[in-house]
């Protein structure tokens, strides 16, 4: 799956990442291969995000997703990089379902749908199976 990186108005090979940001990108590479098929195009943008360490925008009809990453907010919690990455990629996976539900719901149900989506994603993100997946990857069992 192609992953593009943007920071300070520069793209991909022109981008200079610090070690911490390199860890974030590596986590995305690891999780993308586990969670999304190769028909998606993902852009990682290192930029300030209001009240979050990361946020995601998805256009499922074009199979594109953009994840904005606030390095300053995230670097205070390096042990949670994988959780944040999984969380945002799970938004990509369920985006269509909640987008359709939001379209069909009454306006006053929108807040409830947002809470439901976050609840579903939080549960998926913390599933015990992730420990097994990581052990298999470390053992070289990557499915190829």
Foldseek 3Di string as FASTA:
>chain_A
DAEWEEEPRDIDPVDDDDPLVVVLVVLLVVVCLVQDDPQAYEYEYEDDDPPDQKAKDDDVVNRYMYIYGDCVVCVVPSVCSNLVSQLRSVCHVCVVVLVVVCVPDDPVCNVVSVVVSSVVSNCVSPDPCVVVVVVCVVVVNPPD
